[in-house]
N, C-alpha and C. Protein backbone atom coordinates (compact mmCIF):
# COMPACT_ATOMS: atom_id res chain seq x y z
N MET A 1 -4.44 2.01 4.14
CA MET A 1 -3.85 0.72 3.94
C MET A 1 -2.40 0.81 4.39
N PHE A 2 -2.01 -0.08 5.28
CA PHE A 2 -0.63 -0.11 5.76
C PHE A 2 0.18 -1.13 4.96
N CYS A 3 1.34 -0.72 4.50
CA CYS A 3 2.22 -1.57 3.69
C CYS A 3 3.66 -1.36 4.10
N TYR A 4 4.51 -2.30 3.68
CA TYR A 4 5.95 -2.15 3.88
C TYR A 4 6.66 -2.59 2.61
N HIS A 5 7.92 -2.17 2.51
CA HIS A 5 8.71 -2.52 1.32
C HIS A 5 9.31 -3.91 1.50
N PRO A 6 9.21 -4.77 0.47
CA PRO A 6 9.81 -6.10 0.58
C PRO A 6 11.32 -5.97 0.77
N GLY A 7 11.87 -6.83 1.58
CA GLY A 7 13.31 -6.79 1.83
C GLY A 7 13.69 -5.90 2.99
N ASP A 8 12.74 -5.14 3.53
CA ASP A 8 13.03 -4.30 4.69
C ASP A 8 13.01 -5.18 5.94
N PRO A 9 14.17 -5.39 6.57
CA PRO A 9 14.23 -6.28 7.73
C PRO A 9 13.37 -5.81 8.90
N GLU A 10 13.15 -4.51 9.00
CA GLU A 10 12.33 -3.98 10.09
C GLU A 10 10.85 -3.94 9.74
N LYS A 11 10.52 -4.13 8.45
CA LYS A 11 9.14 -4.08 7.96
C LYS A 11 8.43 -2.82 8.42
N LYS A 12 9.11 -1.68 8.27
CA LYS A 12 8.52 -0.40 8.63
C LYS A 12 7.27 -0.16 7.80
N ARG A 13 6.18 0.15 8.47
CA ARG A 13 4.91 0.31 7.79
C ARG A 13 4.66 1.77 7.39
N TYR A 14 4.10 1.90 6.18
CA TYR A 14 3.74 3.21 5.65
C TYR A 14 2.25 3.19 5.33
N LEU A 15 1.62 4.35 5.42
CA LEU A 15 0.20 4.47 5.16
C LEU A 15 -0.01 4.90 3.71
N PHE A 16 -0.80 4.13 2.99
CA PHE A 16 -1.14 4.40 1.59
C PHE A 16 -2.64 4.55 1.46
N ILE A 17 -3.08 5.14 0.35
CA ILE A 17 -4.50 5.24 0.06
C ILE A 17 -4.82 4.33 -1.12
N VAL A 18 -5.99 3.70 -1.08
CA VAL A 18 -6.49 2.87 -2.17
C VAL A 18 -7.74 3.55 -2.69
N LYS A 19 -7.65 4.15 -3.88
CA LYS A 19 -8.79 4.88 -4.43
C LYS A 19 -9.79 3.96 -5.13
N ASP A 20 -9.32 2.79 -5.58
CA ASP A 20 -10.19 1.82 -6.24
C ASP A 20 -10.94 1.02 -5.18
N LEU A 21 -12.19 1.41 -4.92
CA LEU A 21 -12.97 0.78 -3.85
C LEU A 21 -13.34 -0.67 -4.17
N ASP A 22 -13.20 -1.08 -5.41
CA ASP A 22 -13.48 -2.48 -5.78
C ASP A 22 -12.28 -3.38 -5.54
N LEU A 23 -11.13 -2.81 -5.19
CA LEU A 23 -9.91 -3.57 -4.99
C LEU A 23 -9.88 -4.11 -3.57
N SER A 24 -10.03 -5.42 -3.44
CA SER A 24 -9.99 -6.07 -2.13
C SER A 24 -8.59 -6.61 -1.90
N ILE A 25 -7.96 -6.20 -0.81
CA ILE A 25 -6.57 -6.54 -0.55
C ILE A 25 -6.47 -7.30 0.77
N THR A 26 -5.69 -8.36 0.78
CA THR A 26 -5.47 -9.12 2.00
C THR A 26 -4.01 -9.04 2.42
N ARG A 27 -3.79 -9.22 3.70
CA ARG A 27 -2.44 -9.16 4.27
C ARG A 27 -1.50 -10.09 3.51
N GLY A 28 -0.30 -9.58 3.21
CA GLY A 28 0.73 -10.37 2.55
C GLY A 28 0.74 -10.25 1.03
N GLU A 29 -0.29 -9.65 0.45
CA GLU A 29 -0.32 -9.52 -1.01
C GLU A 29 0.70 -8.50 -1.49
N LEU A 30 1.27 -8.77 -2.67
CA LEU A 30 2.17 -7.82 -3.32
C LEU A 30 1.33 -6.82 -4.10
N LEU A 31 1.65 -5.53 -3.92
CA LEU A 31 0.90 -4.46 -4.54
C LEU A 31 1.85 -3.52 -5.27
N GLU A 32 1.29 -2.75 -6.18
CA GLU A 32 2.07 -1.72 -6.86
C GLU A 32 1.61 -0.36 -6.33
N ALA A 33 2.58 0.50 -6.04
CA ALA A 33 2.28 1.81 -5.48
C ALA A 33 3.09 2.88 -6.19
N ILE A 34 2.59 4.09 -6.11
CA ILE A 34 3.32 5.25 -6.61
C ILE A 34 3.83 5.99 -5.37
N THR A 35 5.15 6.10 -5.26
CA THR A 35 5.76 6.80 -4.12
C THR A 35 6.59 7.96 -4.65
N ILE A 36 7.26 8.63 -3.76
CA ILE A 36 8.12 9.75 -4.15
C ILE A 36 9.24 9.28 -5.08
N ARG A 37 9.58 8.00 -5.00
CA ARG A 37 10.63 7.43 -5.86
C ARG A 37 10.07 6.79 -7.12
N GLY A 38 8.79 6.94 -7.37
CA GLY A 38 8.16 6.36 -8.55
C GLY A 38 7.40 5.09 -8.22
N LYS A 39 7.13 4.30 -9.26
CA LYS A 39 6.37 3.07 -9.08
C LYS A 39 7.23 2.02 -8.37
N CYS A 40 6.64 1.34 -7.38
CA CYS A 40 7.39 0.32 -6.65
C CYS A 40 6.44 -0.76 -6.16
N VAL A 41 7.01 -1.85 -5.68
CA VAL A 41 6.25 -2.97 -5.13
C VAL A 41 6.29 -2.86 -3.61
N VAL A 42 5.11 -3.04 -2.99
CA VAL A 42 5.01 -3.04 -1.54
C VAL A 42 4.21 -4.27 -1.12
N VAL A 43 4.26 -4.59 0.17
CA VAL A 43 3.55 -5.73 0.73
C VAL A 43 2.47 -5.22 1.67
N ALA A 44 1.25 -5.73 1.52
CA ALA A 44 0.16 -5.34 2.41
C ALA A 44 0.44 -5.87 3.82
N ALA A 45 0.47 -4.97 4.79
CA ALA A 45 0.71 -5.36 6.18
C ALA A 45 -0.59 -5.74 6.89
N ALA A 46 -1.71 -5.41 6.28
CA ALA A 46 -3.02 -5.72 6.86
C ALA A 46 -4.03 -5.79 5.72
N ASP A 47 -5.22 -6.29 6.01
CA ASP A 47 -6.29 -6.28 5.03
C ASP A 47 -6.73 -4.83 4.80
N SER A 48 -7.23 -4.56 3.59
CA SER A 48 -7.73 -3.21 3.31
C SER A 48 -9.05 -3.00 4.04
N PHE A 49 -9.34 -1.74 4.35
CA PHE A 49 -10.58 -1.41 5.07
C PHE A 49 -10.99 0.01 4.71
N PRO A 50 -12.29 0.26 4.59
CA PRO A 50 -12.75 1.63 4.28
C PRO A 50 -12.80 2.48 5.54
N ILE A 51 -12.50 3.76 5.40
CA ILE A 51 -12.64 4.71 6.52
C ILE A 51 -13.20 6.03 5.99
N TYR A 52 -13.78 6.80 6.87
CA TYR A 52 -14.34 8.09 6.50
C TYR A 52 -13.28 9.18 6.64
N ASP A 53 -13.49 10.29 5.93
CA ASP A 53 -12.50 11.36 5.87
C ASP A 53 -12.04 11.85 7.24
N ILE A 54 -12.97 12.06 8.16
CA ILE A 54 -12.59 12.57 9.47
C ILE A 54 -11.71 11.57 10.21
N LEU A 55 -11.98 10.29 10.03
CA LEU A 55 -11.13 9.27 10.65
C LEU A 55 -9.76 9.24 9.99
N LEU A 56 -9.73 9.44 8.67
CA LEU A 56 -8.46 9.43 7.95
C LEU A 56 -7.52 10.50 8.50
N ASP A 57 -8.05 11.69 8.71
CA ASP A 57 -7.22 12.77 9.26
C ASP A 57 -6.61 12.36 10.59
N ASN A 58 -7.39 11.73 11.45
CA ASN A 58 -6.90 11.32 12.76
C ASN A 58 -5.87 10.20 12.65
N ILE A 59 -6.08 9.26 11.74
CA ILE A 59 -5.13 8.16 11.56
C ILE A 59 -3.81 8.70 11.01
N VAL A 60 -3.88 9.57 10.01
CA VAL A 60 -2.67 10.17 9.43
C VAL A 60 -1.88 10.90 10.51
N PHE A 61 -2.55 11.70 11.31
CA PHE A 61 -1.89 12.43 12.40
C PHE A 61 -1.32 11.46 13.43
N GLY A 62 -2.10 10.44 13.78
CA GLY A 62 -1.70 9.51 14.83
C GLY A 62 -0.49 8.66 14.49
N VAL A 63 -0.31 8.32 13.23
CA VAL A 63 0.83 7.48 12.85
C VAL A 63 2.00 8.29 12.30
N GLY A 64 1.84 9.61 12.24
CA GLY A 64 2.94 10.46 11.77
C GLY A 64 3.09 10.50 10.27
N ALA A 65 2.04 10.15 9.55
CA ALA A 65 2.08 10.22 8.08
C ALA A 65 1.75 11.66 7.66
N TYR A 66 1.66 11.91 6.36
CA TYR A 66 1.35 13.24 5.87
C TYR A 66 0.62 13.14 4.54
N PHE A 67 -0.12 14.19 4.25
CA PHE A 67 -0.85 14.27 2.97
C PHE A 67 0.04 14.93 1.93
N PRO A 68 -0.10 14.60 0.66
CA PRO A 68 -1.01 13.59 0.14
C PRO A 68 -0.45 12.19 0.39
N LEU A 69 -1.34 11.27 0.74
CA LEU A 69 -0.91 9.88 0.91
C LEU A 69 -0.52 9.30 -0.44
N LYS A 70 0.46 8.44 -0.43
CA LYS A 70 0.86 7.76 -1.66
C LYS A 70 -0.20 6.72 -2.00
N GLU A 71 -0.32 6.39 -3.28
CA GLU A 71 -1.45 5.58 -3.75
C GLU A 71 -1.07 4.17 -4.14
N ILE A 72 -1.90 3.22 -3.73
CA ILE A 72 -1.83 1.85 -4.23
C ILE A 72 -2.57 1.85 -5.56
N ILE A 73 -1.90 1.41 -6.63
CA ILE A 73 -2.53 1.46 -7.95
C ILE A 73 -3.03 0.10 -8.42
N GLY A 74 -2.71 -0.95 -7.69
CA GLY A 74 -3.21 -2.28 -8.07
C GLY A 74 -2.37 -3.39 -7.48
N LYS A 75 -2.76 -4.60 -7.80
CA LYS A 75 -2.01 -5.77 -7.34
C LYS A 75 -0.84 -6.00 -8.27
N HIS A 76 0.27 -6.45 -7.71
CA HIS A 76 1.47 -6.71 -8.49
C HIS A 76 1.32 -8.02 -9.23
N LYS A 77 1.57 -7.98 -10.52
CA LYS A 77 1.49 -9.19 -11.34
C LYS A 77 2.91 -9.70 -11.57
N ILE A 78 3.16 -10.91 -11.11
CA ILE A 78 4.49 -11.50 -11.27
C ILE A 78 4.57 -12.14 -12.66
N GLN A 79 5.55 -11.71 -13.44
CA GLN A 79 5.72 -12.28 -14.76
C GLN A 79 6.49 -13.59 -14.66
N GLU A 80 5.93 -14.60 -15.30
CA GLU A 80 6.62 -15.89 -15.31
C GLU A 80 7.60 -15.93 -16.47
N ASP A 81 8.71 -16.61 -16.29
CA ASP A 81 9.70 -16.73 -17.36
C ASP A 81 9.09 -17.53 -18.51
N LEU A 82 9.26 -17.01 -19.70
CA LEU A 82 8.76 -17.71 -20.88
C LEU A 82 9.78 -18.76 -21.31
N PRO A 83 9.32 -19.89 -21.85
CA PRO A 83 10.23 -21.00 -22.16
C PRO A 83 11.06 -20.80 -23.42
N PHE A 84 11.10 -19.61 -23.98
CA PHE A 84 11.91 -19.44 -25.20
C PHE A 84 12.93 -18.37 -25.05
């Protein structure tokens, strides 16, 4: 899954892994991820798609990423301001 950090003017894309196969993600959705800096919000740069292990190795090598891939842990829930 390719994502970028909100507010990044260049929208540099990073490769993440989604272990929850029931999680369907579409381009533009806000997601929560665990990165080297801890939990953060990222934006889906593309729809999620399944791939096989051998393809994953080639994609990681091809885009210059590295293992272990950082993980998408779910969709970001925006808290609404409470009226009190």
